[in-house]
């Protein structure tokens, strides 16, 4: 547990010092909102109905930019091999990286979500606790897969291109159910209707996280 938090704190300290990933994620996420805002304004589309899909498109693309930097710092400085020599199970490294990635992505999502309230003229004060739950579970599922695949892509020359190509097909079930759950919350659906997509989203998150944890050691060895 101590080594897990050491990895988490290291990534957190590096990002808070440089802010490279967070700034990129925020900029890209807001740009996505601006583009969709003007595209939807010219059509006969209910912004509240379109908001869940737009939000998760912004979250997913912004999160991918952050995941691309997850192992890049160690790779660029030649420290990845040293990190792998840490006297602990490789799964500890995976969990520390995944938790750090989740925190970065949730921080970016909070800013993007606030911006979306302005662009789409949304009032969601009553739904905030449920939205926070959906965002957390969906983001955890996204980073559970993304951390593993970021480790796969880091050893390639075109990791910025490869990661989205291999990530989105795998993480698509998480995104689909996250959009569905978000749409139900924003649509004012009964909480009983929310249970199924939220339960499925949680199952995918647990399954993907468990598989990624077990495979991570073999990915690093390769």
Protein backbone atom coordinates (compact mmCIF):
# COMPACT_ATOMS: atom_id res chain seq x y z
CA UNK A 1 0.00 0.00 0.00
CA UNK A 2 2.88 2.37 0.81
CA UNK A 3 4.45 1.84 -2.62
CA UNK A 4 1.07 2.32 -4.32
CA UNK A 5 0.66 5.74 -2.74
CA UNK A 6 4.30 6.55 -3.55
CA UNK A 7 3.60 5.99 -7.26
CA UNK A 8 0.37 7.97 -7.00
CA UNK A 9 2.04 10.90 -5.21
CA UNK A 10 4.94 10.92 -7.69
CA UNK A 11 2.62 11.25 -10.69
CA UNK A 12 0.50 13.81 -8.87
CA UNK A 13 3.55 15.91 -7.93
CA UNK A 14 4.94 15.81 -11.49
CA UNK A 15 1.63 16.90 -13.00
CA UNK A 16 1.05 19.65 -10.45
CA UNK A 17 4.53 20.98 -11.21
CA UNK A 18 4.32 20.88 -15.02
CA UNK A 19 0.53 20.85 -15.67
CA UNK A 20 1.27 19.59 -19.20
CA UNK A 21 -1.45 16.96 -19.35
CA UNK A 22 -4.11 18.92 -17.47
CA UNK A 23 -3.73 22.04 -19.59
CA UNK A 24 -3.91 19.99 -22.79
CA UNK A 25 -6.94 18.04 -21.57
CA UNK A 26 -8.81 21.17 -20.54
CA UNK A 27 -8.06 23.03 -23.75
CA UNK A 28 -9.13 20.12 -25.95
CA UNK A 29 -12.26 19.39 -23.91
CA UNK A 30 -13.46 23.00 -24.06
CA UNK A 31 -12.74 23.16 -27.80
CA UNK A 32 -14.96 20.08 -28.30
CA UNK A 33 -17.77 21.81 -26.38
CA UNK A 34 -17.42 24.98 -28.45
CA UNK A 35 -17.57 23.05 -31.73
CA UNK A 36 -20.67 21.10 -30.68
CA UNK A 37 -22.28 24.23 -29.26
CA UNK A 38 -22.23 26.01 -32.62
CA UNK A 39 -23.11 22.83 -34.52
CA UNK A 40 -26.18 22.13 -32.39
CA UNK A 41 -27.30 25.75 -32.18
CA UNK A 42 -28.04 25.83 -35.89
CA UNK A 43 -30.20 22.70 -35.75
CA UNK A 44 -33.46 21.70 -34.08
CA UNK A 45 -31.80 19.70 -31.30
CA UNK A 46 -32.59 19.82 -27.59
CA UNK A 47 -29.29 20.73 -25.88
CA UNK A 48 -30.23 18.69 -22.79
CA UNK A 49 -30.74 15.60 -24.94
CA UNK A 50 -27.44 16.13 -26.78
CA UNK A 51 -25.39 17.03 -23.69
CA UNK A 52 -24.64 13.45 -22.47
CA UNK A 53 -23.08 12.39 -25.76
CA UNK A 54 -21.18 15.66 -26.16
CA UNK A 55 -19.88 15.49 -22.60
CA UNK A 56 -18.53 11.96 -22.93
CA UNK A 57 -16.97 12.71 -26.31
CA UNK A 58 -15.12 15.60 -24.63
CA UNK A 59 -14.23 13.44 -21.60
CA UNK A 60 -12.97 10.56 -23.75
CA UNK A 61 -10.78 12.60 -26.06
CA UNK A 62 -9.42 14.75 -23.25
CA UNK A 63 -8.75 11.63 -21.17
CA UNK A 64 -6.88 10.01 -24.05
CA UNK A 65 -4.52 12.98 -24.20
CA UNK A 66 -3.84 12.56 -20.50
CA UNK A 67 -3.27 8.82 -20.81
CA UNK A 68 -0.73 9.42 -23.56
CA UNK A 69 1.43 11.24 -21.00
CA UNK A 70 1.03 8.60 -18.29
CA UNK A 71 4.26 6.70 -19.02
CA UNK A 72 5.83 9.24 -21.37
CA UNK A 73 7.73 11.13 -18.65
CA UNK A 74 9.51 7.98 -17.43
CA UNK A 75 10.12 6.84 -21.00
CA UNK A 76 11.60 10.16 -22.12
CA UNK A 77 13.90 10.38 -19.09
CA UNK A 78 14.94 6.71 -19.20
CA UNK A 79 13.34 6.06 -15.82
CA UNK A 80 10.78 3.44 -16.85
CA UNK A 81 13.20 0.55 -16.29
CA UNK A 82 14.03 1.91 -12.85
CA UNK A 83 10.34 2.16 -12.01
CA UNK A 84 9.88 -1.46 -13.07
CA UNK A 85 12.64 -2.49 -10.64
CA UNK A 86 10.57 -1.25 -7.71
CA UNK A 87 10.50 -4.04 -5.09
CA UNK A 88 6.76 -4.63 -5.31
CA UNK A 89 4.21 -6.40 -7.44
CA UNK A 90 3.79 -4.78 -10.86
CA UNK A 91 0.09 -4.46 -10.09
CA UNK A 92 1.00 -1.80 -7.51
CA UNK A 93 2.49 0.29 -10.31
CA UNK A 94 -0.67 -0.21 -12.36
CA UNK A 95 -2.97 0.82 -9.51
CA UNK A 96 -0.90 3.89 -8.66
CA UNK A 97 -0.85 5.03 -12.28
CA UNK A 98 -4.55 4.31 -12.72
CA UNK A 99 -5.54 6.26 -9.61
CA UNK A 100 -3.42 9.22 -10.68
CA UNK A 101 -4.94 9.12 -14.17
CA UNK A 102 -8.42 8.99 -12.67
CA UNK A 103 -7.76 12.04 -10.50
CA UNK A 104 -6.39 14.02 -13.47
CA UNK A 105 -9.31 13.04 -15.67
CA UNK A 106 -11.91 13.86 -12.99
CA UNK A 107 -10.31 17.27 -12.45
CA UNK A 108 -10.51 18.00 -16.17
CA UNK A 109 -14.09 16.67 -16.31
CA UNK A 110 -15.16 19.03 -13.53
CA UNK A 111 -14.00 22.07 -15.52
CA UNK A 112 -15.44 20.73 -18.79
CA UNK A 113 -18.76 20.00 -17.08
CA UNK A 114 -18.98 23.52 -15.65
CA UNK A 115 -18.27 24.91 -19.13
CA UNK A 116 -21.02 22.67 -20.56
CA UNK A 117 -23.56 24.21 -18.16
CA UNK A 118 -22.88 27.55 -19.82
CA UNK A 119 -22.76 26.31 -23.41
CA UNK A 120 -25.90 24.16 -23.14
CA UNK A 121 -27.77 26.31 -20.59
CA UNK A 122 -28.29 23.39 -18.19
CA UNK A 123 -29.64 23.45 -14.64
CA UNK A 124 -28.59 20.29 -12.84
CA UNK A 125 -28.30 21.16 -9.16
CA UNK A 126 -30.65 18.40 -8.10
CA UNK A 127 -28.92 15.81 -10.26
CA UNK A 128 -25.34 16.62 -9.25
CA UNK A 129 -24.84 13.68 -6.81
CA UNK A 130 -26.01 11.15 -9.41
CA UNK A 131 -23.99 12.79 -12.18
CA UNK A 132 -20.90 12.71 -9.96
CA UNK A 133 -21.45 8.98 -9.37
CA UNK A 134 -21.85 8.23 -13.09
CA UNK A 135 -18.81 10.33 -13.98
CA UNK A 136 -16.69 8.62 -11.32
CA UNK A 137 -17.60 5.05 -12.28
CA UNK A 138 -17.33 5.77 -16.01
CA UNK A 139 -13.98 7.51 -15.60
CA UNK A 140 -12.65 4.67 -13.47
CA UNK A 141 -13.59 2.18 -16.19
CA UNK A 142 -11.99 4.37 -18.84
CA UNK A 143 -8.70 4.75 -16.99
CA UNK A 144 -8.66 1.07 -15.97
CA UNK A 145 -8.41 0.13 -19.64
CA UNK A 146 -6.43 3.20 -20.66
CA UNK A 147 -3.61 2.64 -18.17
CA UNK A 148 -2.93 -0.83 -19.52
CA UNK A 149 -3.06 0.25 -23.16
CA UNK A 150 -0.95 3.34 -22.45
CA UNK A 151 1.76 0.94 -21.21
CA UNK A 152 1.40 -1.00 -24.48
CA UNK A 153 1.63 2.14 -26.63
CA UNK A 154 4.50 3.84 -24.80
CA UNK A 155 7.13 1.64 -26.43
CA UNK A 156 5.99 2.53 -29.94
CA UNK A 157 7.11 5.50 -32.02
CA UNK A 158 3.55 6.66 -32.76
CA UNK A 159 1.97 6.23 -29.33
CA UNK A 160 -0.16 9.39 -29.78
CA UNK A 161 -1.86 7.75 -32.78
CA UNK A 162 -1.82 4.14 -31.57
CA UNK A 163 -3.43 4.67 -28.17
CA UNK A 164 -6.81 6.02 -29.41
CA UNK A 165 -6.94 3.32 -32.10
CA UNK A 166 -6.60 0.47 -29.59
CA UNK A 167 -8.38 2.18 -26.69
CA UNK A 168 -11.74 3.27 -28.07
CA UNK A 169 -12.90 -0.13 -29.43
CA UNK A 170 -12.15 -1.75 -26.06
CA UNK A 171 -13.63 0.96 -23.88
CA UNK A 172 -16.75 1.45 -26.04
CA UNK A 173 -19.08 -0.52 -23.68
CA UNK A 174 -18.08 1.77 -20.82
CA UNK A 175 -18.73 4.91 -22.88
CA UNK A 176 -22.09 3.65 -24.18
CA UNK A 177 -23.45 2.90 -20.71
CA UNK A 178 -21.95 6.08 -19.27
CA UNK A 179 -23.77 8.13 -21.92
CA UNK A 180 -26.99 6.20 -21.26
CA UNK A 181 -26.77 6.72 -17.50
CA UNK A 182 -25.95 10.42 -17.93
CA UNK A 183 -28.90 10.84 -20.30
CA UNK A 184 -31.25 9.23 -17.78
CA UNK A 185 -30.04 11.53 -15.01
CA UNK A 186 -30.34 14.69 -17.12
CA UNK A 187 -33.70 13.52 -18.46
CA UNK A 188 -35.12 13.31 -14.97
CA UNK A 189 -35.73 9.57 -15.18
CA UNK A 190 -36.77 7.56 -12.16
CA UNK A 191 -33.82 6.34 -10.12
CA UNK A 192 -34.98 2.78 -10.67
CA UNK A 193 -34.35 3.22 -14.39
CA UNK A 194 -30.82 4.35 -13.63
CA UNK A 195 -29.92 1.18 -11.75
CA UNK A 196 -29.47 -1.06 -14.79
CA UNK A 197 -27.05 1.11 -16.86
CA UNK A 198 -25.18 2.07 -13.69
CA UNK A 199 -24.92 -1.58 -12.64
CA UNK A 200 -23.71 -2.63 -16.11
CA UNK A 201 -21.23 0.25 -16.12
CA UNK A 202 -19.92 -0.87 -12.72
CA UNK A 203 -19.57 -4.47 -13.91
CA UNK A 204 -17.58 -3.43 -16.97
CA UNK A 205 -15.36 -1.25 -14.77
CA UNK A 206 -14.62 -4.09 -12.34
CA UNK A 207 -14.05 -6.66 -15.10
CA UNK A 208 -11.82 -4.39 -17.18
CA UNK A 209 -9.88 -3.29 -14.09
CA UNK A 210 -9.30 -6.88 -12.95
CA UNK A 211 -8.15 -8.06 -16.39
CA UNK A 212 -5.87 -5.03 -16.80
CA UNK A 213 -4.37 -5.62 -13.35
CA UNK A 214 -3.57 -9.24 -14.20
CA UNK A 215 -2.15 -8.44 -17.65
CA UNK A 216 -0.10 -5.41 -16.66
CA UNK A 217 2.96 -7.36 -15.55
CA UNK A 218 3.14 -9.21 -18.88
CA UNK A 219 2.74 -5.95 -20.82
CA UNK A 220 5.70 -4.39 -19.03
CA UNK A 221 7.83 -7.47 -19.59
CA UNK A 222 7.19 -7.26 -23.32
